[in-house]
Amino acid sequence: MAIPGKIKKIESTLATFDYDGVDYKADISLLTDVEIGDYVLMHDGRALSKISEPEYLEQLEFITTHEEMACHKH
């Protein structure tokens, strides 16, 4: 599953991004037009695609909701 994040810092082909308050690093070499402040989907240490802020919020809500459901499952 890809997780959404907001890019905070870019160093060459490595970006630091925020996912729900936690910083992660991802290779952005697959993307040609990302900047600090952009939103991306990341999987297995690679940024796969650039997304809009509404898409970011939708993905974050989806993941958070399903994590909460999994924690309450018996």
C-alpha atoms as a PDB file:
ATOM      1  CA  MET A   1       0.000   0.000   0.000  1.00  0.00           C
ATOM      2  CA  ALA A   2       1.300   3.450  -0.865  1.00  0.00           C
ATOM      3  CA  ILE A   3       1.224   6.108   1.823  1.00  0.00           C
ATOM      4  CA  PRO A   4       0.726   9.825   1.189  1.00  0.00           C
ATOM      5  CA  GLY A   5       3.192  12.459   2.288  1.00  0.00           C
ATOM      6  CA  LYS A   6       4.056  16.126   1.936  1.00  0.00           C
ATOM      7  CA  ILE A   7       7.598  16.871   0.784  1.00  0.00           C
ATOM      8  CA  LYS A   8       9.572  18.895   3.336  1.00  0.00           C
ATOM      9  CA  LYS A   9      13.111  18.706   1.940  1.00  0.00           C
ATOM     10  CA  ILE A  10      14.805  17.580  -1.275  1.00  0.00           C
ATOM     11  CA  GLU A  11      18.453  16.530  -1.592  1.00  0.00           C
ATOM     12  CA  SER A  12      19.300  15.339  -5.101  1.00  0.00           C
ATOM     13  CA  THR A  13      16.922  12.394  -5.669  1.00  0.00           C
ATOM     14  CA  LEU A  14      16.022  11.879  -1.999  1.00  0.00           C
ATOM     15  CA  ALA A  15      13.098  13.674  -0.397  1.00  0.00           C
ATOM     16  CA  THR A  16      12.093  13.932   3.229  1.00  0.00           C
ATOM     17  CA  PHE A  17       8.348  13.950   3.600  1.00  0.00           C
ATOM     18  CA  ASP A  18       5.818  14.067   6.391  1.00  0.00           C
ATOM     19  CA  TYR A  19       3.290  11.271   6.805  1.00  0.00           C
ATOM     20  CA  ASP A  20       0.880  11.976   9.645  1.00  0.00           C
ATOM     21  CA  GLY A  21       3.509  13.792  11.731  1.00  0.00           C
ATOM     22  CA  VAL A  22       6.386  11.362  11.089  1.00  0.00           C
ATOM     23  CA  ASP A  23       9.287  12.067   8.719  1.00  0.00           C
ATOM     24  CA  TYR A  24      10.228   9.483   6.086  1.00  0.00           C
ATOM     25  CA  LYS A  25      12.681   9.521   3.191  1.00  0.00           C
ATOM     26  CA  ALA A  26      11.898   8.417  -0.335  1.00  0.00           C
ATOM     27  CA  ASP A  27      13.663   8.263  -3.679  1.00  0.00           C
ATOM     28  CA  ILE A  28      11.988  10.745  -6.030  1.00  0.00           C
ATOM     29  CA  SER A  29      13.952   9.839  -9.171  1.00  0.00           C
ATOM     30  CA  LEU A  30      10.803   8.421 -10.818  1.00  0.00           C
ATOM     31  CA  LEU A  31       9.187  11.873 -10.662  1.00  0.00           C
ATOM     32  CA  THR A  32      10.415  14.823 -12.678  1.00  0.00           C
ATOM     33  CA  ASP A  33       8.384  17.741 -11.393  1.00  0.00           C
ATOM     34  CA  VAL A  34       8.218  17.602  -7.578  1.00  0.00           C
ATOM     35  CA  GLU A  35       9.004  20.493  -5.266  1.00  0.00           C
ATOM     36  CA  ILE A  36       8.969  21.167  -1.544  1.00  0.00           C
ATOM     37  CA  GLY A  37       5.340  21.366  -0.446  1.00  0.00           C
ATOM     38  CA  ASP A  38       4.086  18.866  -3.049  1.00  0.00           C
ATOM     39  CA  TYR A  39       2.158  15.770  -2.058  1.00  0.00           C
ATOM     40  CA  VAL A  40       3.244  12.297  -3.201  1.00  0.00           C
ATOM     41  CA  LEU A  41       2.329   8.660  -2.782  1.00  0.00           C
ATOM     42  CA  MET A  42       5.235   6.579  -1.510  1.00  0.00           C
ATOM     43  CA  HIS A  43       5.757   2.827  -1.447  1.00  0.00           C
ATOM     44  CA  ASP A  44       8.819   0.808  -0.483  1.00  0.00           C
ATOM     45  CA  GLY A  45      11.081   3.856  -0.254  1.00  0.00           C
ATOM     46  CA  ARG A  46      10.057   5.350  -3.613  1.00  0.00           C
ATOM     47  CA  ALA A  47       7.760   8.221  -4.467  1.00  0.00           C
ATOM     48  CA  LEU A  48       5.452   6.831  -7.142  1.00  0.00           C
ATOM     49  CA  SER A  49       3.248   9.743  -8.095  1.00  0.00           C
ATOM     50  CA  LYS A  50       2.453  13.334  -7.313  1.00  0.00           C
ATOM     51  CA  ILE A  51      -1.067  13.917  -5.952  1.00  0.00           C
ATOM     52  CA  SER A  52      -3.224  16.913  -5.076  1.00  0.00           C
ATOM     53  CA  GLU A  53      -3.903  18.082  -1.527  1.00  0.00           C
ATOM     54  CA  PRO A  54      -7.506  16.759  -1.611  1.00  0.00           C
ATOM     55  CA  GLU A  55      -6.183  13.359  -2.763  1.00  0.00           C
ATOM     56  CA  TYR A  56      -3.589  13.464   0.045  1.00  0.00           C
ATOM     57  CA  LEU A  57      -6.277  14.154   2.647  1.00  0.00           C
ATOM     58  CA  GLU A  58      -8.517  11.419   1.229  1.00  0.00           C
ATOM     59  CA  GLN A  59      -5.687   8.854   1.300  1.00  0.00           C
ATOM     60  CA  LEU A  60      -4.675   9.847   4.837  1.00  0.00           C
ATOM     61  CA  GLU A  61      -8.274   9.535   6.064  1.00  0.00           C
ATOM     62  CA  PHE A  62      -8.664   6.147   4.365  1.00  0.00           C
ATOM     63  CA  ILE A  63      -5.495   4.748   5.974  1.00  0.00           C
ATOM     64  CA  THR A  64      -6.284   6.205   9.404  1.00  0.00           C
ATOM     65  CA  THR A  65      -9.819   4.812   9.350  1.00  0.00           C
ATOM     66  CA  HIS A  66      -8.664   1.333   8.366  1.00  0.00           C
ATOM     67  CA  GLU A  67      -5.864   1.332  10.959  1.00  0.00           C
ATOM     68  CA  GLU A  68      -8.413   2.218  13.652  1.00  0.00           C
ATOM     69  CA  MET A  69     -10.754  -0.542  12.452  1.00  0.00           C
ATOM     70  CA  ALA A  70      -7.905  -3.093  12.523  1.00  0.00           C
ATOM     71  CA  CYS A  71      -6.998  -2.126  16.087  1.00  0.00           C
ATOM     72  CA  HIS A  72     -10.578  -2.685  17.266  1.00  0.00           C
ATOM     73  CA  LYS A  73     -11.025  -6.014  15.494  1.00  0.00           C
ATOM     74  CA  HIS A  74     -11.374  -9.051  17.765  1.00  0.00           C
END
